[in-house]
Amino acid sequence: MPRATARNRSRFEECALFQLGQDCLCMPFTRFMEGVSALLRRPVFTHEFANPDVLWAEFCQ
């Protein structure tokens, strides 16, 4: 299944992408978690957010 492209990403996913690049949380964590799960098309567990670079690398694949 193809990853979300700039054209078909939801606003929710766009916010999650923005948050991945931030040092401080800018939105409710549950919203961020759900957005990242939608971007990666898999469940993302809480402990995975301890290393956002791994999530970013997975998204960029």
Protein backbone atom coordinates (compact mmCIF):
# COMPACT_ATOMS: atom_id res chain seq x y z
CA MET A 1 0.00 0.00 0.00
CA PRO A 2 1.54 3.38 -0.97
CA ARG A 3 2.39 5.95 1.66
CA ALA A 4 0.35 9.13 1.91
CA THR A 5 1.48 11.72 -0.60
CA ALA A 6 1.25 15.47 -0.21
CA ARG A 7 -1.95 15.44 -2.26
CA ASN A 8 -3.91 12.85 -0.31
CA ARG A 9 -2.70 13.42 3.26
CA SER A 10 -5.33 14.49 5.72
CA ARG A 11 -4.91 17.58 7.85
CA PHE A 12 -4.54 15.18 10.76
CA GLU A 13 -1.55 13.51 9.07
CA GLU A 14 -0.04 16.88 8.15
CA CYS A 15 -0.16 17.91 11.82
CA ALA A 16 1.55 14.66 12.81
CA LEU A 17 4.32 15.31 10.26
CA PHE A 18 4.81 18.79 11.69
CA GLN A 19 4.94 17.43 15.23
CA LEU A 20 7.57 14.79 14.35
CA GLY A 21 10.01 17.63 13.66
CA GLN A 22 9.36 19.48 16.92
CA ASP A 23 11.16 19.14 20.25
CA CYS A 24 8.09 20.12 22.30
CA LEU A 25 4.63 18.62 22.04
CA CYS A 26 2.35 21.06 20.18
CA MET A 27 -0.89 19.03 20.24
CA PRO A 28 -2.62 16.43 22.39
CA PHE A 29 -0.48 13.29 22.42
CA THR A 30 -3.40 11.04 21.41
CA ARG A 31 -3.96 13.12 18.27
CA PHE A 32 -0.25 12.94 17.44
CA MET A 33 -0.20 9.18 17.99
CA GLU A 34 -3.25 8.62 15.79
CA GLY A 35 -1.81 10.85 13.04
CA VAL A 36 1.51 9.00 12.99
CA SER A 37 -0.34 5.68 12.91
CA ALA A 38 -2.29 6.91 9.87
CA LEU A 39 0.91 8.06 8.16
CA LEU A 40 2.73 4.79 8.72
CA ARG A 41 -0.38 2.69 8.15
CA ARG A 42 0.29 0.60 11.26
CA PRO A 43 -0.26 0.87 15.00
CA VAL A 44 2.46 2.97 16.63
CA PHE A 45 3.09 2.21 20.28
CA THR A 46 3.86 4.83 22.92
CA HIS A 47 7.44 3.69 23.51
CA GLU A 48 8.25 4.24 19.81
CA PHE A 49 7.93 8.01 20.29
CA ALA A 50 11.04 7.99 22.48
CA ASN A 51 13.06 7.91 19.25
CA PRO A 52 11.22 9.99 16.64
CA ASP A 53 14.13 9.67 14.18
CA VAL A 54 13.22 6.01 13.68
CA LEU A 55 9.60 6.95 12.95
CA TRP A 56 10.77 9.65 10.54
CA ALA A 57 13.07 7.20 8.74
CA GLU A 58 10.22 4.72 8.42
CA PHE A 59 7.99 7.39 6.93
CA CYS A 60 10.69 8.41 4.41
CA GLN A 61 11.14 4.86 3.09
